[in-house]
Every structure is written in structure tokens, then in C-alpha cells.
Amino acid sequence: MEKLNYVIKEFNRLHGSEAKARVKKVEEDEVILEFEGSFCATCGLYDYFDDIKWGAMEFGLKIEPVEV
């Protein structure tokens, strides 16, 4: 959980003016993240999810969007 919290904190630091993420629920091997914000209109919406995914991979965490 500590690694995930760091990934979320770093995501929010980098994207905080456009999008913020927070852990909504943790169950066994599933994590529900909630995103909110204005989101950049010129960026692809999925780029935000990919950024969190790639950030998590740096810490050995595997995150895959299942439902958006």
C-alpha cells in the first residue's frame, strides 16, 4: 500500500492542475481509484490512466484499467 500511495502522490503532483487520483477501495488484489478534475482536452483521457500504470510499474505494481 505504501508504494501505491507514493504513485498516487506523484501522479497528483504531476497532474494536479488537471486531474487528481485517490484510492477509493482496496480488496485483495483489486484497487479502485477515483479520478476527478477538468482533464486536459488535448490529451487523451486514457493517457492519465497510462501514466498511473507506468508509474506503478516502476515499483513492481501491476495496474490495469478494467472499467472507466
PDB file of N, CA and C in Angstrom:
ATOM      1  N   MET A   1       0.826  -1.195   0.000  1.00  0.00           N
ATOM      2  CA  MET A   1       0.000   0.000   0.000  1.00  0.00           C
ATOM      3  C   MET A   1       0.868   1.256   0.000  1.00  0.00           C
ATOM      4  N   GLU A   2       2.023   1.166   0.624  1.00  0.00           N
ATOM      5  CA  GLU A   2       2.920   2.315   0.688  1.00  0.00           C
ATOM      6  C   GLU A   2       3.386   2.725  -0.712  1.00  0.00           C
ATOM      7  N   LYS A   3       3.710   1.736  -1.547  1.00  0.00           N
ATOM      8  CA  LYS A   3       4.139   2.030  -2.918  1.00  0.00           C
ATOM      9  C   LYS A   3       3.009   2.676  -3.710  1.00  0.00           C
ATOM     10  N   LEU A   4       1.816   2.137  -3.564  1.00  0.00           N
ATOM     11  CA  LEU A   4       0.665   2.687  -4.280  1.00  0.00           C
ATOM     12  C   LEU A   4       0.407   4.130  -3.847  1.00  0.00           C
ATOM     13  N   ASN A   5       0.480   4.392  -2.568  1.00  0.00           N
ATOM     14  CA  ASN A   5       0.283   5.758  -2.075  1.00  0.00           C
ATOM     15  C   ASN A   5       1.313   6.719  -2.662  1.00  0.00           C
ATOM     16  N   TYR A   6       2.548   6.242  -2.804  1.00  0.00           N
ATOM     17  CA  TYR A   6       3.586   7.089  -3.401  1.00  0.00           C
ATOM     18  C   TYR A   6       3.256   7.371  -4.870  1.00  0.00           C
ATOM     19  N   VAL A   7       2.818   6.344  -5.600  1.00  0.00           N
ATOM     20  CA  VAL A   7       2.458   6.511  -7.015  1.00  0.00           C
ATOM     21  C   VAL A   7       1.331   7.527  -7.158  1.00  0.00           C
ATOM     22  N   ILE A   8       0.324   7.436  -6.299  1.00  0.00           N
ATOM     23  CA  ILE A   8      -0.805   8.373  -6.326  1.00  0.00           C
ATOM     24  C   ILE A   8      -0.322   9.788  -6.011  1.00  0.00           C
ATOM     25  N   LYS A   9       0.509   9.912  -5.001  1.00  0.00           N
ATOM     26  CA  LYS A   9       1.030  11.229  -4.609  1.00  0.00           C
ATOM     27  C   LYS A   9       1.818  11.853  -5.756  1.00  0.00           C
ATOM     28  N   GLU A  10       2.637  11.052  -6.414  1.00  0.00           N
ATOM     29  CA  GLU A  10       3.444  11.546  -7.525  1.00  0.00           C
ATOM     30  C   GLU A  10       2.557  11.915  -8.719  1.00  0.00           C
ATOM     31  N   PHE A  11       1.556  11.108  -9.003  1.00  0.00           N
ATOM     32  CA  PHE A  11       0.608  11.415 -10.076  1.00  0.00           C
ATOM     33  C   PHE A  11      -0.066  12.755  -9.799  1.00  0.00           C
ATOM     34  N   ASN A  12      -0.543  12.934  -8.586  1.00  0.00           N
ATOM     35  CA  ASN A  12      -1.229  14.174  -8.225  1.00  0.00           C
ATOM     36  C   ASN A  12      -0.293  15.382  -8.286  1.00  0.00           C
ATOM     37  N   ARG A  13       0.953  15.176  -7.958  1.00  0.00           N
ATOM     38  CA  ARG A  13       1.929  16.261  -8.043  1.00  0.00           C
ATOM     39  C   ARG A  13       2.126  16.679  -9.506  1.00  0.00           C
ATOM     40  N   LEU A  14       2.208  15.717 -10.390  1.00  0.00           N
ATOM     41  CA  LEU A  14       2.460  15.998 -11.803  1.00  0.00           C
ATOM     42  C   LEU A  14       1.225  16.472 -12.559  1.00  0.00           C
ATOM     43  N   HIS A  15       0.057  15.961 -12.173  1.00  0.00           N
ATOM     44  CA  HIS A  15      -1.167  16.239 -12.926  1.00  0.00           C
ATOM     45  C   HIS A  15      -2.214  17.010 -12.138  1.00  0.00           C
ATOM     46  N   GLY A  16      -1.885  17.439 -10.943  1.00  0.00           N
ATOM     47  CA  GLY A  16      -2.849  18.028 -10.029  1.00  0.00           C
ATOM     48  C   GLY A  16      -3.675  19.181 -10.566  1.00  0.00           C
ATOM     49  N   SER A  17      -3.139  19.932 -11.526  1.00  0.00           N
ATOM     50  CA  SER A  17      -3.924  21.037 -12.062  1.00  0.00           C
ATOM     51  C   SER A  17      -5.007  20.552 -13.021  1.00  0.00           C
ATOM     52  N   GLU A  18      -4.869  19.335 -13.521  1.00  0.00           N
ATOM     53  CA  GLU A  18      -5.833  18.781 -14.476  1.00  0.00           C
ATOM     54  C   GLU A  18      -6.625  17.613 -13.912  1.00  0.00           C
ATOM     55  N   ALA A  19      -5.940  16.759 -13.180  1.00  0.00           N
ATOM     56  CA  ALA A  19      -6.576  15.536 -12.690  1.00  0.00           C
ATOM     57  C   ALA A  19      -5.947  15.118 -11.369  1.00  0.00           C
ATOM     58  N   LYS A  20      -6.773  14.585 -10.510  1.00  0.00           N
ATOM     59  CA  LYS A  20      -6.287  14.041  -9.240  1.00  0.00           C
ATOM     60  C   LYS A  20      -6.853  12.643  -9.076  1.00  0.00           C
ATOM     61  N   ALA A  21      -6.049  11.793  -8.476  1.00  0.00           N
ATOM     62  CA  ALA A  21      -6.463  10.414  -8.224  1.00  0.00           C
ATOM     63  C   ALA A  21      -6.466  10.171  -6.729  1.00  0.00           C
ATOM     64  N   ARG A  22      -7.326   9.257  -6.320  1.00  0.00           N
ATOM     65  CA  ARG A  22      -7.319   8.837  -4.914  1.00  0.00           C
ATOM     66  C   ARG A  22      -7.760   7.381  -4.856  1.00  0.00           C
ATOM     67  N   VAL A  23      -7.264   6.692  -3.846  1.00  0.00           N
ATOM     68  CA  VAL A  23      -7.661   5.311  -3.634  1.00  0.00           C
ATOM     69  C   VAL A  23      -9.024   5.327  -2.979  1.00  0.00           C
ATOM     70  N   LYS A  24      -9.969   4.698  -3.641  1.00  0.00           N
ATOM     71  CA  LYS A  24     -11.332   4.648  -3.120  1.00  0.00           C
ATOM     72  C   LYS A  24     -11.584   3.368  -2.331  1.00  0.00           C
ATOM     73  N   LYS A  25     -10.998   2.259  -2.807  1.00  0.00           N
ATOM     74  CA  LYS A  25     -11.254   0.979  -2.152  1.00  0.00           C
ATOM     75  C   LYS A  25     -10.141  -0.005  -2.498  1.00  0.00           C
ATOM     76  N   VAL A  26      -9.749  -0.824  -1.536  1.00  0.00           N
ATOM     77  CA  VAL A  26      -8.764  -1.875  -1.747  1.00  0.00           C
ATOM     78  C   VAL A  26      -9.373  -3.184  -1.280  1.00  0.00           C
ATOM     79  N   GLU A  27      -9.374  -4.160  -2.178  1.00  0.00           N
ATOM     80  CA  GLU A  27      -9.878  -5.503  -1.863  1.00  0.00           C
ATOM     81  C   GLU A  27      -8.934  -6.530  -2.453  1.00  0.00           C
ATOM     82  N   GLU A  28      -8.323  -7.337  -1.632  1.00  0.00           N
ATOM     83  CA  GLU A  28      -7.399  -8.389  -2.067  1.00  0.00           C
ATOM     84  C   GLU A  28      -6.456  -7.882  -3.156  1.00  0.00           C
ATOM     85  N   ASP A  29      -6.647  -8.306  -4.397  1.00  0.00           N
ATOM     86  CA  ASP A  29      -5.749  -7.890  -5.475  1.00  0.00           C
ATOM     87  C   ASP A  29      -6.392  -6.847  -6.393  1.00  0.00           C
ATOM     88  N   GLU A  30      -7.411  -6.166  -5.911  1.00  0.00           N
ATOM     89  CA  GLU A  30      -8.106  -5.158  -6.696  1.00  0.00           C
ATOM     90  C   GLU A  30      -8.077  -3.817  -5.968  1.00  0.00           C
ATOM     91  N   VAL A  31      -7.801  -2.774  -6.731  1.00  0.00           N
ATOM     92  CA  VAL A  31      -7.795  -1.416  -6.192  1.00  0.00           C
ATOM     93  C   VAL A  31      -8.714  -0.572  -7.054  1.00  0.00           C
ATOM     94  N   ILE A  32      -9.584   0.173  -6.423  1.00  0.00           N
ATOM     95  CA  ILE A  32     -10.459   1.089  -7.148  1.00  0.00           C
ATOM     96  C   ILE A  32      -9.931   2.497  -6.923  1.00  0.00           C
ATOM     97  N   LEU A  33      -9.570   3.143  -8.027  1.00  0.00           N
ATOM     98  CA  LEU A  33      -9.082   4.510  -7.981  1.00  0.00           C
ATOM     99  C   LEU A  33     -10.152   5.428  -8.535  1.00  0.00           C
ATOM    100  N   GLU A  34     -10.281   6.580  -7.928  1.00  0.00           N
ATOM    101  CA  GLU A  34     -11.221   7.587  -8.416  1.00  0.00           C
ATOM    102  C   GLU A  34     -10.413   8.766  -8.944  1.00  0.00           C
ATOM    103  N   PHE A  35     -10.755   9.187 -10.151  1.00  0.00           N
ATOM    104  CA  PHE A  35     -10.109  10.328 -10.775  1.00  0.00           C
ATOM    105  C   PHE A  35     -11.118  11.457 -10.862  1.00  0.00           C
ATOM    106  N   GLU A  36     -10.643  12.674 -10.613  1.00  0.00           N
ATOM    107  CA  GLU A  36     -11.504  13.844 -10.770  1.00  0.00           C
ATOM    108  C   GLU A  36     -10.665  15.004 -11.270  1.00  0.00           C
ATOM    109  N   GLY A  37     -11.342  15.931 -11.917  1.00  0.00           N
ATOM    110  CA  GLY A  37     -10.654  17.110 -12.407  1.00  0.00           C
ATOM    111  C   GLY A  37     -11.189  17.541 -13.749  1.00  0.00           C
ATOM    112  N   SER A  38     -10.574  18.558 -14.291  1.00  0.00           N
ATOM    113  CA  SER A  38     -11.021  19.084 -15.581  1.00  0.00           C
ATOM    114  C   SER A  38     -10.454  18.275 -16.741  1.00  0.00           C
ATOM    115  N   PHE A  39      -9.364  17.584 -16.548  1.00  0.00           N
ATOM    116  CA  PHE A  39      -8.676  16.781 -17.557  1.00  0.00           C
ATOM    117  C   PHE A  39      -8.349  17.636 -18.781  1.00  0.00           C
ATOM    118  N   CYS A  40      -7.179  17.489 -19.289  1.00  0.00           N
ATOM    119  CA  CYS A  40      -6.721  18.252 -20.450  1.00  0.00           C
ATOM    120  C   CYS A  40      -7.475  17.796 -21.694  1.00  0.00           C
ATOM    121  N   ALA A  41      -8.086  18.737 -22.389  1.00  0.00           N
ATOM    122  CA  ALA A  41      -8.889  18.397 -23.570  1.00  0.00           C
ATOM    123  C   ALA A  41      -8.026  17.914 -24.731  1.00  0.00           C
ATOM    124  N   THR A  42      -6.784  18.365 -24.809  1.00  0.00           N
ATOM    125  CA  THR A  42      -5.932  17.948 -25.925  1.00  0.00           C
ATOM    126  C   THR A  42      -5.223  16.629 -25.646  1.00  0.00           C
ATOM    127  N   CYS A  43      -5.154  16.221 -24.395  1.00  0.00           N
ATOM    128  CA  CYS A  43      -4.564  14.935 -24.039  1.00  0.00           C
ATOM    129  C   CYS A  43      -5.642  13.872 -24.180  1.00  0.00           C
ATOM    130  N   GLY A  44      -5.244  12.671 -24.458  1.00  0.00           N
ATOM    131  CA  GLY A  44      -6.215  11.587 -24.469  1.00  0.00           C
ATOM    132  C   GLY A  44      -6.598  11.254 -23.040  1.00  0.00           C
ATOM    133  N   LEU A  45      -7.847  11.003 -22.802  1.00  0.00           N
ATOM    134  CA  LEU A  45      -8.309  10.676 -21.449  1.00  0.00           C
ATOM    135  C   LEU A  45      -7.555   9.473 -20.894  1.00  0.00           C
ATOM    136  N   TYR A  46      -7.296   8.500 -21.733  1.00  0.00           N
ATOM    137  CA  TYR A  46      -6.619   7.290 -21.268  1.00  0.00           C
ATOM    138  C   TYR A  46      -5.161   7.533 -20.919  1.00  0.00           C
ATOM    139  N   ASP A  47      -4.583   8.638 -21.363  1.00  0.00           N
ATOM    140  CA  ASP A  47      -3.201   8.951 -21.012  1.00  0.00           C
ATOM    141  C   ASP A  47      -3.030   9.082 -19.504  1.00  0.00           C
ATOM    142  N   TYR A  48      -4.046   9.575 -18.816  1.00  0.00           N
ATOM    143  CA  TYR A  48      -3.968   9.705 -17.357  1.00  0.00           C
ATOM    144  C   TYR A  48      -3.879   8.322 -16.700  1.00  0.00           C
ATOM    145  N   PHE A  49      -4.655   7.375 -17.215  1.00  0.00           N
ATOM    146  CA  PHE A  49      -4.636   6.021 -16.661  1.00  0.00           C
ATOM    147  C   PHE A  49      -3.311   5.338 -16.980  1.00  0.00           C
ATOM    148  N   ASP A  50      -2.797   5.586 -18.174  1.00  0.00           N
ATOM    149  CA  ASP A  50      -1.496   5.023 -18.543  1.00  0.00           C
ATOM    150  C   ASP A  50      -0.386   5.593 -17.672  1.00  0.00           C
ATOM    151  N   ASP A  51      -0.456   6.884 -17.356  1.00  0.00           N
ATOM    152  CA  ASP A  51       0.570   7.492 -16.509  1.00  0.00           C
ATOM    153  C   ASP A  51       0.621   6.839 -15.133  1.00  0.00           C
ATOM    154  N   ILE A  52      -0.534   6.546 -14.576  1.00  0.00           N
ATOM    155  CA  ILE A  52      -0.576   5.875 -13.266  1.00  0.00           C
ATOM    156  C   ILE A  52      -0.052   4.452 -13.402  1.00  0.00           C
ATOM    157  N   LYS A  53      -0.417   3.798 -14.485  1.00  0.00           N
ATOM    158  CA  LYS A  53       0.036   2.427 -14.740  1.00  0.00           C
ATOM    159  C   LYS A  53       1.558   2.369 -14.845  1.00  0.00           C
ATOM    160  N   TRP A  54       2.146   3.272 -15.641  1.00  0.00           N
ATOM    161  CA  TRP A  54       3.599   3.279 -15.823  1.00  0.00           C
ATOM    162  C   TRP A  54       4.323   3.675 -14.537  1.00  0.00           C
ATOM    163  N   GLY A  55       3.759   4.591 -13.789  1.00  0.00           N
ATOM    164  CA  GLY A  55       4.353   4.961 -12.507  1.00  0.00           C
ATOM    165  C   GLY A  55       4.366   3.793 -11.538  1.00  0.00           C
ATOM    166  N   ALA A  56       3.291   3.025 -11.535  1.00  0.00           N
ATOM    167  CA  ALA A  56       3.198   1.860 -10.652  1.00  0.00           C
ATOM    168  C   ALA A  56       4.191   0.782 -11.055  1.00  0.00           C
ATOM    169  N   MET A  57       4.399   0.615 -12.354  1.00  0.00           N
ATOM    170  CA  MET A  57       5.328  -0.403 -12.841  1.00  0.00           C
ATOM    171  C   MET A  57       6.743  -0.180 -12.330  1.00  0.00           C
ATOM    172  N   GLU A  58       7.105   1.080 -12.121  1.00  0.00           N
ATOM    173  CA  GLU A  58       8.436   1.392 -11.599  1.00  0.00           C
ATOM    174  C   GLU A  58       8.660   0.800 -10.208  1.00  0.00           C
ATOM    175  N   PHE A  59       7.564   0.507  -9.511  1.00  0.00           N
ATOM    176  CA  PHE A  59       7.646  -0.061  -8.164  1.00  0.00           C
ATOM    177  C   PHE A  59       7.222  -1.534  -8.130  1.00  0.00           C
ATOM    178  N   GLY A  60       7.104  -2.144  -9.306  1.00  0.00           N
ATOM    179  CA  GLY A  60       6.741  -3.557  -9.374  1.00  0.00           C
ATOM    180  C   GLY A  60       5.254  -3.806  -9.189  1.00  0.00           C
ATOM    181  N   LEU A  61       4.445  -2.768  -9.290  1.00  0.00           N
ATOM    182  CA  LEU A  61       2.993  -2.922  -9.159  1.00  0.00           C
ATOM    183  C   LEU A  61       2.380  -3.011 -10.552  1.00  0.00           C
ATOM    184  N   LYS A  62       1.438  -3.914 -10.714  1.00  0.00           N
ATOM    185  CA  LYS A  62       0.749  -4.059 -11.992  1.00  0.00           C
ATOM    186  C   LYS A  62      -0.659  -3.520 -11.852  1.00  0.00           C
ATOM    187  N   ILE A  63      -0.922  -2.445 -12.584  1.00  0.00           N
ATOM    188  CA  ILE A  63      -2.246  -1.825 -12.569  1.00  0.00           C
ATOM    189  C   ILE A  63      -2.786  -1.823 -13.992  1.00  0.00           C
ATOM    190  N   GLU A  64      -3.953  -2.357 -14.175  1.00  0.00           N
ATOM    191  CA  GLU A  64      -4.618  -2.380 -15.477  1.00  0.00           C
ATOM    192  C   GLU A  64      -6.006  -1.792 -15.337  1.00  0.00           C
ATOM    193  N   PRO A  65      -6.331  -0.802 -16.156  1.00  0.00           N
ATOM    194  CA  PRO A  65      -7.703  -0.286 -16.133  1.00  0.00           C
ATOM    195  C   PRO A  65      -8.665  -1.386 -16.577  1.00  0.00           C
ATOM    196  N   VAL A  66      -9.720  -1.558 -15.805  1.00  0.00           N
ATOM    197  CA  VAL A  66     -10.713  -2.566 -16.136  1.00  0.00           C
ATOM    198  C   VAL A  66     -11.999  -1.896 -16.563  1.00  0.00           C
ATOM    199  N   GLU A  67     -12.331  -0.828 -15.871  1.00  0.00           N
ATOM    200  CA  GLU A  67     -13.571  -0.106 -16.173  1.00  0.00           C
ATOM    201  C   GLU A  67     -13.302   1.378 -16.024  1.00  0.00           C
ATOM    202  N   VAL A  68     -13.777   2.128 -16.996  1.00  0.00           N
ATOM    203  CA  VAL A  68     -13.576   3.582 -16.960  1.00  0.00           C
ATOM    204  C   VAL A  68     -14.933   4.245 -17.000  1.00  0.00           C
TER     205      VAL A  68
END
